[in-house]
Amino acid sequence: MPMNREERAKQFAPFESMHGLREALAKKEREHEMQERITLSEEQEADIAATLSELKAGDLIDMVCFVDGFYVKVRGKVRKIDFSFRILQVENGKVPFSDLFSLEIFHKCDFSENF
């Protein structure tokens, strides 16, 4: 009886003799590349605080933030600035003020751009 296509295709599927080895190696590599959090100078903290005070919803910003052991550069539109909880919401993500490394306004939102 001939094999159907699906059964025949399984013969040629990649074989992994040590299940999970690839994932374990990738995880170890990622851990090795992780960075230590950098302590900001008073001047850097003041620059970020000044920029935060100028921000409003709709502004397009460039920021570098510390996420899961890595510094990540992000450009996005500000959705909300919560000074009570010290959180900046950009697009669909939330960034604690304490995770900001740098922050610049790329484009100020004109009120008419929101509509």
PDB file of N, CA and C in Angstrom:
ATOM      1  N   MET A   1       0.843  -1.188   0.000  1.00  0.00           N
ATOM      2  CA  MET A   1       0.000   0.000   0.000  1.00  0.00           C
ATOM      3  C   MET A   1       0.888   1.250   0.000  1.00  0.00           C
ATOM      4  N   PRO A   2       0.678   2.139  -0.953  1.00  0.00           N
ATOM      5  CA  PRO A   2       1.514   3.342  -1.027  1.00  0.00           C
ATOM      6  C   PRO A   2       1.252   4.288   0.156  1.00  0.00           C
ATOM      7  N   MET A   3       2.338   5.019   0.541  1.00  0.00           N
ATOM      8  CA  MET A   3       2.227   6.015   1.624  1.00  0.00           C
ATOM      9  C   MET A   3       1.587   7.285   1.077  1.00  0.00           C
ATOM     10  N   ASN A   4       0.767   7.932   1.957  1.00  0.00           N
ATOM     11  CA  ASN A   4       0.218   9.216   1.521  1.00  0.00           C
ATOM     12  C   ASN A   4       1.309  10.288   1.635  1.00  0.00           C
ATOM     13  N   ARG A   5       1.057  11.431   1.096  1.00  0.00           N
ATOM     14  CA  ARG A   5       2.066  12.509   1.058  1.00  0.00           C
ATOM     15  C   ARG A   5       2.548  12.913   2.452  1.00  0.00           C
ATOM     16  N   GLU A   6       1.617  13.022   3.379  1.00  0.00           N
ATOM     17  CA  GLU A   6       1.969  13.465   4.733  1.00  0.00           C
ATOM     18  C   GLU A   6       2.928  12.478   5.397  1.00  0.00           C
ATOM     19  N   GLU A   7       2.655  11.183   5.266  1.00  0.00           N
ATOM     20  CA  GLU A   7       3.521  10.165   5.854  1.00  0.00           C
ATOM     21  C   GLU A   7       4.905  10.178   5.196  1.00  0.00           C
ATOM     22  N   ARG A   8       4.924  10.357   3.895  1.00  0.00           N
ATOM     23  CA  ARG A   8       6.198  10.416   3.181  1.00  0.00           C
ATOM     24  C   ARG A   8       7.010  11.627   3.604  1.00  0.00           C
ATOM     25  N   ALA A   9       6.351  12.753   3.815  1.00  0.00           N
ATOM     26  CA  ALA A   9       7.042  13.989   4.207  1.00  0.00           C
ATOM     27  C   ALA A   9       7.697  13.840   5.564  1.00  0.00           C
ATOM     28  N   LYS A  10       7.089  13.067   6.466  1.00  0.00           N
ATOM     29  CA  LYS A  10       7.664  12.875   7.810  1.00  0.00           C
ATOM     30  C   LYS A  10       9.039  12.227   7.746  1.00  0.00           C
ATOM     31  N   GLN A  11       9.277  11.425   6.717  1.00  0.00           N
ATOM     32  CA  GLN A  11      10.578  10.767   6.573  1.00  0.00           C
ATOM     33  C   GLN A  11      11.709  11.781   6.434  1.00  0.00           C
ATOM     34  N   PHE A  12      11.386  12.910   5.836  1.00  0.00           N
ATOM     35  CA  PHE A  12      12.414  13.892   5.536  1.00  0.00           C
ATOM     36  C   PHE A  12      12.442  15.051   6.529  1.00  0.00           C
ATOM     37  N   ALA A  13      11.673  14.950   7.601  1.00  0.00           N
ATOM     38  CA  ALA A  13      11.671  16.001   8.623  1.00  0.00           C
ATOM     39  C   ALA A  13      13.033  16.015   9.307  1.00  0.00           C
ATOM     40  N   PRO A  14      13.514  17.181   9.734  1.00  0.00           N
ATOM     41  CA  PRO A  14      14.819  17.236  10.387  1.00  0.00           C
ATOM     42  C   PRO A  14      14.818  16.396  11.672  1.00  0.00           C
ATOM     43  N   PHE A  15      15.929  15.740  11.892  1.00  0.00           N
ATOM     44  CA  PHE A  15      16.062  14.875  13.063  1.00  0.00           C
ATOM     45  C   PHE A  15      16.938  15.583  14.086  1.00  0.00           C
ATOM     46  N   GLU A  16      16.487  15.639  15.323  1.00  0.00           N
ATOM     47  CA  GLU A  16      17.264  16.259  16.399  1.00  0.00           C
ATOM     48  C   GLU A  16      17.549  15.183  17.436  1.00  0.00           C
ATOM     49  N   SER A  17      18.788  14.708  17.439  1.00  0.00           N
ATOM     50  CA  SER A  17      19.131  13.579  18.304  1.00  0.00           C
ATOM     51  C   SER A  17      19.097  13.936  19.784  1.00  0.00           C
ATOM     52  N   MET A  18      19.455  15.150  20.109  1.00  0.00           N
ATOM     53  CA  MET A  18      19.454  15.569  21.519  1.00  0.00           C
ATOM     54  C   MET A  18      18.370  16.622  21.691  1.00  0.00           C
ATOM     55  N   HIS A  19      17.192  16.151  21.997  1.00  0.00           N
ATOM     56  CA  HIS A  19      16.019  17.018  22.120  1.00  0.00           C
ATOM     57  C   HIS A  19      16.267  18.162  23.109  1.00  0.00           C
ATOM     58  N   GLY A  20      16.038  19.408  22.691  1.00  0.00           N
ATOM     59  CA  GLY A  20      16.165  20.556  23.572  1.00  0.00           C
ATOM     60  C   GLY A  20      17.549  21.171  23.610  1.00  0.00           C
ATOM     61  N   LEU A  21      18.531  20.528  22.985  1.00  0.00           N
ATOM     62  CA  LEU A  21      19.899  21.052  23.029  1.00  0.00           C
ATOM     63  C   LEU A  21      19.984  22.421  22.363  1.00  0.00           C
ATOM     64  N   ARG A  22      19.359  22.567  21.214  1.00  0.00           N
ATOM     65  CA  ARG A  22      19.402  23.839  20.484  1.00  0.00           C
ATOM     66  C   ARG A  22      18.837  24.974  21.345  1.00  0.00           C
ATOM     67  N   GLU A  23      17.699  24.726  22.024  1.00  0.00           N
ATOM     68  CA  GLU A  23      17.081  25.749  22.877  1.00  0.00           C
ATOM     69  C   GLU A  23      17.973  26.075  24.076  1.00  0.00           C
ATOM     70  N   ALA A  24      18.580  25.048  24.671  1.00  0.00           N
ATOM     71  CA  ALA A  24      19.456  25.259  25.828  1.00  0.00           C
ATOM     72  C   ALA A  24      20.678  26.082  25.437  1.00  0.00           C
ATOM     73  N   LEU A  25      21.258  25.799  24.284  1.00  0.00           N
ATOM     74  CA  LEU A  25      22.417  26.568  23.816  1.00  0.00           C
ATOM     75  C   LEU A  25      22.045  28.014  23.525  1.00  0.00           C
ATOM     76  N   ALA A  26      20.882  28.221  22.918  1.00  0.00           N
ATOM     77  CA  ALA A  26      20.427  29.587  22.629  1.00  0.00           C
ATOM     78  C   ALA A  26      20.204  30.367  23.919  1.00  0.00           C
ATOM     79  N   LYS A  27      19.634  29.700  24.931  1.00  0.00           N
ATOM     80  CA  LYS A  27      19.399  30.360  26.224  1.00  0.00           C
ATOM     81  C   LYS A  27      20.727  30.742  26.876  1.00  0.00           C
ATOM     82  N   LYS A  28      21.704  29.829  26.845  1.00  0.00           N
ATOM     83  CA  LYS A  28      23.008  30.088  27.445  1.00  0.00           C
ATOM     84  C   LYS A  28      23.704  31.251  26.732  1.00  0.00           C
ATOM     85  N   GLU A  29      23.588  31.290  25.412  1.00  0.00           N
ATOM     86  CA  GLU A  29      24.183  32.373  24.633  1.00  0.00           C
ATOM     87  C   GLU A  29      23.543  33.709  25.003  1.00  0.00           C
ATOM     88  N   ARG A  30      22.228  33.713  25.144  1.00  0.00           N
ATOM     89  CA  ARG A  30      21.511  34.933  25.512  1.00  0.00           C
ATOM     90  C   ARG A  30      21.942  35.417  26.893  1.00  0.00           C
ATOM     91  N   GLU A  31      22.080  34.502  27.842  1.00  0.00           N
ATOM     92  CA  GLU A  31      22.516  34.875  29.192  1.00  0.00           C
ATOM     93  C   GLU A  31      23.917  35.468  29.159  1.00  0.00           C
ATOM     94  N   HIS A  32      24.774  34.929  28.305  1.00  0.00           N
ATOM     95  CA  HIS A  32      26.145  35.417  28.192  1.00  0.00           C
ATOM     96  C   HIS A  32      26.188  36.840  27.640  1.00  0.00           C
ATOM     97  N   GLU A  33      25.245  37.166  26.757  1.00  0.00           N
ATOM     98  CA  GLU A  33      25.219  38.486  26.131  1.00  0.00           C
ATOM     99  C   GLU A  33      24.549  39.547  27.003  1.00  0.00           C
ATOM    100  N   MET A  34      23.868  39.136  28.071  1.00  0.00           N
ATOM    101  CA  MET A  34      23.146  40.088  28.921  1.00  0.00           C
ATOM    102  C   MET A  34      24.110  41.127  29.493  1.00  0.00           C
ATOM    103  N   GLN A  35      23.569  42.316  29.754  1.00  0.00           N
ATOM    104  CA  GLN A  35      24.395  43.427  30.222  1.00  0.00           C
ATOM    105  C   GLN A  35      23.996  43.810  31.648  1.00  0.00           C
ATOM    106  N   GLU A  36      24.949  44.375  32.340  1.00  0.00           N
ATOM    107  CA  GLU A  36      24.670  44.924  33.668  1.00  0.00           C
ATOM    108  C   GLU A  36      23.957  46.261  33.498  1.00  0.00           C
ATOM    109  N   ARG A  37      23.063  46.576  34.420  1.00  0.00           N
ATOM    110  CA  ARG A  37      22.376  47.867  34.387  1.00  0.00           C
ATOM    111  C   ARG A  37      23.382  48.969  34.720  1.00  0.00           C
ATOM    112  N   ILE A  38      23.363  50.016  33.944  1.00  0.00           N
ATOM    113  CA  ILE A  38      24.273  51.150  34.139  1.00  0.00           C
ATOM    114  C   ILE A  38      23.612  52.159  35.067  1.00  0.00           C
ATOM    115  N   THR A  39      24.373  52.635  36.036  1.00  0.00           N
ATOM    116  CA  THR A  39      23.870  53.667  36.941  1.00  0.00           C
ATOM    117  C   THR A  39      23.990  55.021  36.245  1.00  0.00           C
ATOM    118  N   LEU A  40      22.888  55.735  36.180  1.00  0.00           N
ATOM    119  CA  LEU A  40      22.877  57.039  35.514  1.00  0.00           C
ATOM    120  C   LEU A  40      23.529  58.100  36.390  1.00  0.00           C
ATOM    121  N   SER A  41      24.161  59.062  35.734  1.00  0.00           N
ATOM    122  CA  SER A  41      24.712  60.206  36.450  1.00  0.00           C
ATOM    123  C   SER A  41      23.551  61.136  36.821  1.00  0.00           C
ATOM    124  N   GLU A  42      23.800  62.065  37.714  1.00  0.00           N
ATOM    125  CA  GLU A  42      22.765  63.033  38.095  1.00  0.00           C
ATOM    126  C   GLU A  42      22.331  63.851  36.880  1.00  0.00           C
ATOM    127  N   GLU A  43      23.287  64.160  36.010  1.00  0.00           N
ATOM    128  CA  GLU A  43      22.985  64.941  34.812  1.00  0.00           C
ATOM    129  C   GLU A  43      22.067  64.152  33.868  1.00  0.00           C
ATOM    130  N   GLN A  44      22.334  62.867  33.691  1.00  0.00           N
ATOM    131  CA  GLN A  44      21.483  62.032  32.838  1.00  0.00           C
ATOM    132  C   GLN A  44      20.062  61.927  33.417  1.00  0.00           C
ATOM    133  N   GLU A  45      19.979  61.730  34.738  1.00  0.00           N
ATOM    134  CA  GLU A  45      18.666  61.663  35.395  1.00  0.00           C
ATOM    135  C   GLU A  45      17.904  62.971  35.214  1.00  0.00           C
ATOM    136  N   ALA A  46      18.602  64.099  35.336  1.00  0.00           N
ATOM    137  CA  ALA A  46      17.965  65.408  35.169  1.00  0.00           C
ATOM    138  C   ALA A  46      17.489  65.610  33.738  1.00  0.00           C
ATOM    139  N   ASP A  47      18.289  65.169  32.752  1.00  0.00           N
ATOM    140  CA  ASP A  47      17.889  65.276  31.341  1.00  0.00           C
ATOM    141  C   ASP A  47      16.619  64.474  31.068  1.00  0.00           C
ATOM    142  N   ILE A  48      16.561  63.251  31.593  1.00  0.00           N
ATOM    143  CA  ILE A  48      15.381  62.402  31.397  1.00  0.00           C
ATOM    144  C   ILE A  48      14.165  63.028  32.073  1.00  0.00           C
ATOM    145  N   ALA A  49      14.347  63.538  33.292  1.00  0.00           N
ATOM    146  CA  ALA A  49      13.237  64.169  34.020  1.00  0.00           C
ATOM    147  C   ALA A  49      12.722  65.398  33.263  1.00  0.00           C
ATOM    148  N   ALA A  50      13.632  66.191  32.707  1.00  0.00           N
ATOM    149  CA  ALA A  50      13.224  67.378  31.957  1.00  0.00           C
ATOM    150  C   ALA A  50      12.446  66.987  30.700  1.00  0.00           C
ATOM    151  N   THR A  51      12.917  65.958  30.007  1.00  0.00           N
ATOM    152  CA  THR A  51      12.220  65.499  28.801  1.00  0.00           C
ATOM    153  C   THR A  51      10.848  64.937  29.162  1.00  0.00           C
ATOM    154  N   LEU A  52      10.767  64.169  30.251  1.00  0.00           N
ATOM    155  CA  LEU A  52       9.481  63.620  30.695  1.00  0.00           C
ATOM    156  C   LEU A  52       8.481  64.735  30.983  1.00  0.00           C
ATOM    157  N   SER A  53       8.969  65.827  31.562  1.00  0.00           N
ATOM    158  CA  SER A  53       8.059  66.930  31.907  1.00  0.00           C
ATOM    159  C   SER A  53       7.532  67.649  30.659  1.00  0.00           C
ATOM    160  N   GLU A  54       8.266  67.556  29.541  1.00  0.00           N
ATOM    161  CA  GLU A  54       7.834  68.182  28.285  1.00  0.00           C
ATOM    162  C   GLU A  54       6.913  67.287  27.452  1.00  0.00           C
ATOM    163  N   LEU A  55       6.922  65.994  27.729  1.00  0.00           N
ATOM    164  CA  LEU A  55       6.161  65.045  26.913  1.00  0.00           C
ATOM    165  C   LEU A  55       4.666  65.212  27.055  1.00  0.00           C
ATOM    166  N   LYS A  56       3.973  64.868  25.958  1.00  0.00           N
ATOM    167  CA  LYS A  56       2.518  64.751  26.036  1.00  0.00           C
ATOM    168  C   LYS A  56       2.106  63.605  25.119  1.00  0.00           C
ATOM    169  N   ALA A  57       0.934  63.083  25.346  1.00  0.00           N
ATOM    170  CA  ALA A  57       0.431  61.975  24.534  1.00  0.00           C
ATOM    171  C   ALA A  57       0.461  62.372  23.066  1.00  0.00           C
ATOM    172  N   GLY A  58       0.919  61.455  22.234  1.00  0.00           N
ATOM    173  CA  GLY A  58       1.000  61.701  20.801  1.00  0.00           C
ATOM    174  C   GLY A  58       2.396  62.045  20.319  1.00  0.00           C
ATOM    175  N   ASP A  59       3.279  62.505  21.227  1.00  0.00           N
ATOM    176  CA  ASP A  59       4.653  62.812  20.831  1.00  0.00           C
ATOM    177  C   ASP A  59       5.353  61.535  20.370  1.00  0.00           C
ATOM    178  N   LEU A  60       6.212  61.667  19.371  1.00  0.00           N
ATOM    179  CA  LEU A  60       7.032  60.560  18.897  1.00  0.00           C
ATOM    180  C   LEU A  60       8.389  60.679  19.572  1.00  0.00           C
ATOM    181  N   ILE A  61       8.821  59.607  20.237  1.00  0.00           N
ATOM    182  CA  ILE A  61      10.064  59.672  21.009  1.00  0.00           C
ATOM    183  C   ILE A  61      11.048  58.587  20.584  1.00  0.00           C
ATOM    184  N   ASP A  62      12.314  58.858  20.859  1.00  0.00           N
ATOM    185  CA  ASP A  62      13.381  57.866  20.787  1.00  0.00           C
ATOM    186  C   ASP A  62      13.837  57.641  22.216  1.00  0.00           C
ATOM    187  N   MET A  63      13.938  56.379  22.602  1.00  0.00           N
ATOM    188  CA  MET A  63      14.414  56.090  23.952  1.00  0.00           C
ATOM    189  C   MET A  63      15.267  54.837  23.938  1.00  0.00           C
ATOM    190  N   VAL A  64      16.140  54.765  24.923  1.00  0.00           N
ATOM    191  CA  VAL A  64      16.889  53.544  25.185  1.00  0.00           C
ATOM    192  C   VAL A  64      16.476  53.128  26.580  1.00  0.00           C
ATOM    193  N   CYS A  65      16.006  51.871  26.688  1.00  0.00           N
ATOM    194  CA  CYS A  65      15.551  51.388  27.989  1.00  0.00           C
ATOM    195  C   CYS A  65      16.127  50.007  28.272  1.00  0.00           C
ATOM    196  N   PHE A  66      16.181  49.677  29.547  1.00  0.00           N
ATOM    197  CA  PHE A  66      16.729  48.406  30.008  1.00  0.00           C
ATOM    198  C   PHE A  66      15.586  47.409  30.108  1.00  0.00           C
ATOM    199  N   VAL A  67      15.652  46.321  29.307  1.00  0.00           N
ATOM    200  CA  VAL A  67      14.589  45.318  29.282  1.00  0.00           C
ATOM    201  C   VAL A  67      15.207  43.924  29.386  1.00  0.00           C
ATOM    202  N   ASP A  68      14.887  43.229  30.459  1.00  0.00           N
ATOM    203  CA  ASP A  68      15.337  41.841  30.630  1.00  0.00           C
ATOM    204  C   ASP A  68      16.833  41.642  30.410  1.00  0.00           C
ATOM    205  N   GLY A  69      17.639  42.562  30.927  1.00  0.00           N
ATOM    206  CA  GLY A  69      19.085  42.413  30.841  1.00  0.00           C
ATOM    207  C   GLY A  69      19.728  42.981  29.589  1.00  0.00           C
ATOM    208  N   PHE A  70      18.957  43.695  28.779  1.00  0.00           N
ATOM    209  CA  PHE A  70      19.489  44.269  27.542  1.00  0.00           C
ATOM    210  C   PHE A  70      19.049  45.720  27.412  1.00  0.00           C
ATOM    211  N   TYR A  71      19.894  46.546  26.776  1.00  0.00           N
ATOM    212  CA  TYR A  71      19.514  47.911  26.438  1.00  0.00           C
ATOM    213  C   TYR A  71      18.907  47.887  25.038  1.00  0.00           C
ATOM    214  N   VAL A  72      17.693  48.409  24.936  1.00  0.00           N
ATOM    215  CA  VAL A  72      16.935  48.354  23.697  1.00  0.00           C
ATOM    216  C   VAL A  72      16.588  49.770  23.260  1.00  0.00           C
ATOM    217  N   LYS A  73      16.828  50.068  21.963  1.00  0.00           N
ATOM    218  CA  LYS A  73      16.474  51.372  21.418  1.00  0.00           C
ATOM    219  C   LYS A  73      15.089  51.265  20.780  1.00  0.00           C
ATOM    220  N   VAL A  74      14.218  52.188  21.135  1.00  0.00           N
ATOM    221  CA  VAL A  74      12.836  52.145  20.676  1.00  0.00           C
ATOM    222  C   VAL A  74      12.425  53.529  20.185  1.00  0.00           C
ATOM    223  N   ARG A  75      11.690  53.551  19.077  1.00  0.00           N
ATOM    224  CA  ARG A  75      11.031  54.775  18.625  1.00  0.00           C
ATOM    225  C   ARG A  75       9.548  54.469  18.636  1.00  0.00           C
ATOM    226  N   GLY A  76       8.772  55.337  19.278  1.00  0.00           N
ATOM    227  CA  GLY A  76       7.338  55.083  19.324  1.00  0.00           C
ATOM    228  C   GLY A  76       6.563  56.301  19.766  1.00  0.00           C
ATOM    229  N   LYS A  77       5.251  56.185  19.660  1.00  0.00           N
ATOM    230  CA  LYS A  77       4.353  57.271  20.018  1.00  0.00           C
ATOM    231  C   LYS A  77       3.927  57.121  21.472  1.00  0.00           C
ATOM    232  N   VAL A  78       4.020  58.206  22.219  1.00  0.00           N
ATOM    233  CA  VAL A  78       3.628  58.214  23.630  1.00  0.00           C
ATOM    234  C   VAL A  78       2.114  58.103  23.731  1.00  0.00           C
ATOM    235  N   ARG A  79       1.659  57.157  24.521  1.00  0.00           N
ATOM    236  CA  ARG A  79       0.224  56.997  24.767  1.00  0.00           C
ATOM    237  C   ARG A  79      -0.182  57.654  26.088  1.00  0.00           C
ATOM    238  N   LYS A  80       0.674  57.507  27.101  1.00  0.00           N
ATOM    239  CA  LYS A  80       0.326  58.029  28.426  1.00  0.00           C
ATOM    240  C   LYS A  80       1.592  58.195  29.255  1.00  0.00           C
ATOM    241  N   ILE A  81       1.616  59.221  30.088  1.00  0.00           N
ATOM    242  CA  ILE A  81       2.698  59.432  31.041  1.00  0.00           C
ATOM    243  C   ILE A  81       2.063  59.434  32.418  1.00  0.00           C
ATOM    244  N   ASP A  82       2.418  58.470  33.248  1.00  0.00           N
ATOM    245  CA  ASP A  82       1.835  58.336  34.582  1.00  0.00           C
ATOM    246  C   ASP A  82       2.886  58.696  35.626  1.00  0.00           C
ATOM    247  N   PHE A  83       2.824  59.942  36.119  1.00  0.00           N
ATOM    248  CA  PHE A  83       3.812  60.397  37.085  1.00  0.00           C
ATOM    249  C   PHE A  83       3.574  59.788  38.467  1.00  0.00           C
ATOM    250  N   SER A  84       2.360  59.357  38.777  1.00  0.00           N
ATOM    251  CA  SER A  84       2.073  58.729  40.070  1.00  0.00           C
ATOM    252  C   SER A  84       2.779  57.379  40.184  1.00  0.00           C
ATOM    253  N   PHE A  85       2.627  56.561  39.144  1.00  0.00           N
ATOM    254  CA  PHE A  85       3.233  55.235  39.157  1.00  0.00           C
ATOM    255  C   PHE A  85       4.579  55.208  38.447  1.00  0.00           C
ATOM    256  N   ARG A  86       4.998  56.374  37.915  1.00  0.00           N
ATOM    257  CA  ARG A  86       6.287  56.531  37.251  1.00  0.00           C
ATOM    258  C   ARG A  86       6.448  55.543  36.094  1.00  0.00           C
ATOM    259  N   ILE A  87       5.434  55.565  35.196  1.00  0.00           N
ATOM    260  CA  ILE A  87       5.430  54.673  34.036  1.00  0.00           C
ATOM    261  C   ILE A  87       5.137  55.477  32.773  1.00  0.00           C
ATOM    262  N   LEU A  88       5.894  55.179  31.735  1.00  0.00           N
ATOM    263  CA  LEU A  88       5.708  55.786  30.424  1.00  0.00           C
ATOM    264  C   LEU A  88       5.128  54.714  29.510  1.00  0.00           C
ATOM    265  N   GLN A  89       3.959  54.988  28.943  1.00  0.00           N
ATOM    266  CA  GLN A  89       3.359  54.040  28.012  1.00  0.00           C
ATOM    267  C   GLN A  89       3.629  54.514  26.600  1.00  0.00           C
ATOM    268  N   VAL A  90       4.325  53.664  25.840  1.00  0.00           N
ATOM    269  CA  VAL A  90       4.679  53.959  24.460  1.00  0.00           C
ATOM    270  C   VAL A  90       4.100  52.847  23.596  1.00  0.00           C
ATOM    271  N   GLU A  91       3.270  53.246  22.611  1.00  0.00           N
ATOM    272  CA  GLU A  91       2.559  52.267  21.787  1.00  0.00           C
ATOM    273  C   GLU A  91       1.816  51.320  22.728  1.00  0.00           C
ATOM    274  N   ASN A  92       2.145  50.018  22.685  1.00  0.00           N
ATOM    275  CA  ASN A  92       1.459  49.048  23.529  1.00  0.00           C
ATOM    276  C   ASN A  92       2.298  48.584  24.710  1.00  0.00           C
ATOM    277  N   GLY A  93       3.450  49.205  24.924  1.00  0.00           N
ATOM    278  CA  GLY A  93       4.332  48.791  26.013  1.00  0.00           C
ATOM    279  C   GLY A  93       4.399  49.825  27.118  1.00  0.00           C
ATOM    280  N   LYS A  94       4.723  49.346  28.309  1.00  0.00           N
ATOM    281  CA  LYS A  94       4.887  50.230  29.465  1.00  0.00           C
ATOM    282  C   LYS A  94       6.320  50.139  29.961  1.00  0.00           C
ATOM    283  N   VAL A  95       6.915  51.308  30.194  1.00  0.00           N
ATOM    284  CA  VAL A  95       8.305  51.369  30.633  1.00  0.00           C
ATOM    285  C   VAL A  95       8.377  52.153  31.941  1.00  0.00           C
ATOM    286  N   PRO A  96       8.853  51.514  33.008  1.00  0.00           N
ATOM    287  CA  PRO A  96       9.063  52.263  34.255  1.00  0.00           C
ATOM    288  C   PRO A  96      10.119  53.342  34.033  1.00  0.00           C
ATOM    289  N   PHE A  97       9.922  54.491  34.643  1.00  0.00           N
ATOM    290  CA  PHE A  97      10.905  55.572  34.506  1.00  0.00           C
ATOM    291  C   PHE A  97      12.303  55.072  34.871  1.00  0.00           C
ATOM    292  N   SER A  98      12.395  54.173  35.863  1.00  0.00           N
ATOM    293  CA  SER A  98      13.695  53.683  36.336  1.00  0.00           C
ATOM    294  C   SER A  98      14.429  52.855  35.282  1.00  0.00           C
ATOM    295  N   ASP A  99      13.731  52.380  34.244  1.00  0.00           N
ATOM    296  CA  ASP A  99      14.370  51.599  33.183  1.00  0.00           C
ATOM    297  C   ASP A  99      14.820  52.454  32.003  1.00  0.00           C
ATOM    298  N   LEU A 100      14.551  53.755  32.053  1.00  0.00           N
ATOM    299  CA  LEU A 100      14.970  54.646  30.963  1.00  0.00           C
ATOM    300  C   LEU A 100      16.459  54.955  31.079  1.00  0.00           C
ATOM    301  N   PHE A 101      17.170  54.838  29.971  1.00  0.00           N
ATOM    302  CA  PHE A 101      18.587  55.196  29.930  1.00  0.00           C
ATOM    303  C   PHE A 101      18.771  56.512  29.192  1.00  0.00           C
ATOM    304  N   SER A 102      17.976  56.716  28.139  1.00  0.00           N
ATOM    305  CA  SER A 102      17.971  58.001  27.447  1.00  0.00           C
ATOM    306  C   SER A 102      16.592  58.211  26.849  1.00  0.00           C
ATOM    307  N   LEU A 103      16.246  59.477  26.653  1.00  0.00           N
ATOM    308  CA  LEU A 103      14.919  59.825  26.159  1.00  0.00           C
ATOM    309  C   LEU A 103      15.003  61.141  25.398  1.00  0.00           C
ATOM    310  N   GLU A 104      14.522  61.121  24.153  1.00  0.00           N
ATOM    311  CA  GLU A 104      14.507  62.327  23.321  1.00  0.00           C
ATOM    312  C   GLU A 104      13.176  62.419  22.594  1.00  0.00           C
ATOM    313  N   ILE A 105      12.704  63.640  22.430  1.00  0.00           N
ATOM    314  CA  ILE A 105      11.485  63.848  21.644  1.00  0.00           C
ATOM    315  C   ILE A 105      11.909  63.952  20.186  1.00  0.00           C
ATOM    316  N   PHE A 106      11.438  63.020  19.365  1.00  0.00           N
ATOM    317  CA  PHE A 106      11.762  63.007  17.944  1.00  0.00           C
ATOM    318  C   PHE A 106      10.857  63.969  17.187  1.00  0.00           C
ATOM    319  N   HIS A 107       9.564  63.986  17.567  1.00  0.00           N
ATOM    320  CA  HIS A 107       8.593  64.867  16.906  1.00  0.00           C
ATOM    321  C   HIS A 107       7.486  65.222  17.898  1.00  0.00           C
ATOM    322  N   LYS A 108       7.307  66.509  18.139  1.00  0.00           N
ATOM    323  CA  LYS A 108       6.227  66.965  19.017  1.00  0.00           C
ATOM    324  C   LYS A 108       4.895  66.817  18.291  1.00  0.00           C
ATOM    325  N   CYS A 109       3.917  66.318  19.007  1.00  0.00           N
ATOM    326  CA  CYS A 109       2.590  66.144  18.433  1.00  0.00           C
ATOM    327  C   CYS A 109       1.878  67.490  18.345  1.00  0.00           C
ATOM    328  N   ASP A 110       1.348  67.759  17.187  1.00  0.00           N
ATOM    329  CA  ASP A 110       0.503  68.914  16.993  1.00  0.00           C
ATOM    330  C   ASP A 110      -0.907  68.440  17.281  1.00  0.00           C
ATOM    331  N   PHE A 111      -1.680  69.192  18.026  1.00  0.00           N
ATOM    332  CA  PHE A 111      -3.024  68.767  18.423  1.00  0.00           C
ATOM    333  C   PHE A 111      -3.841  68.274  17.226  1.00  0.00           C
ATOM    334  N   SER A 112      -3.689  68.910  16.081  1.00  0.00           N
ATOM    335  CA  SER A 112      -4.453  68.540  14.896  1.00  0.00           C
ATOM    336  C   SER A 112      -4.066  67.159  14.374  1.00  0.00           C
ATOM    337  N   GLU A 113      -2.866  66.643  14.735  1.00  0.00           N
ATOM    338  CA  GLU A 113      -2.421  65.337  14.265  1.00  0.00           C
ATOM    339  C   GLU A 113      -3.178  64.204  14.951  1.00  0.00           C
ATOM    340  N   ASN A 114      -3.808  64.473  16.082  1.00  0.00           N
ATOM    341  CA  ASN A 114      -4.532  63.436  16.802  1.00  0.00           C
ATOM    342  C   ASN A 114      -5.870  63.120  16.174  1.00  0.00           C
ATOM    343  N   PHE A 115      -6.315  63.938  15.229  1.00  0.00           N
ATOM    344  CA  PHE A 115      -7.638  63.747  14.643  1.00  0.00           C
ATOM    345  C   PHE A 115      -7.586  63.473  13.176  1.00  0.00           C
TER     346      PHE A 115
END
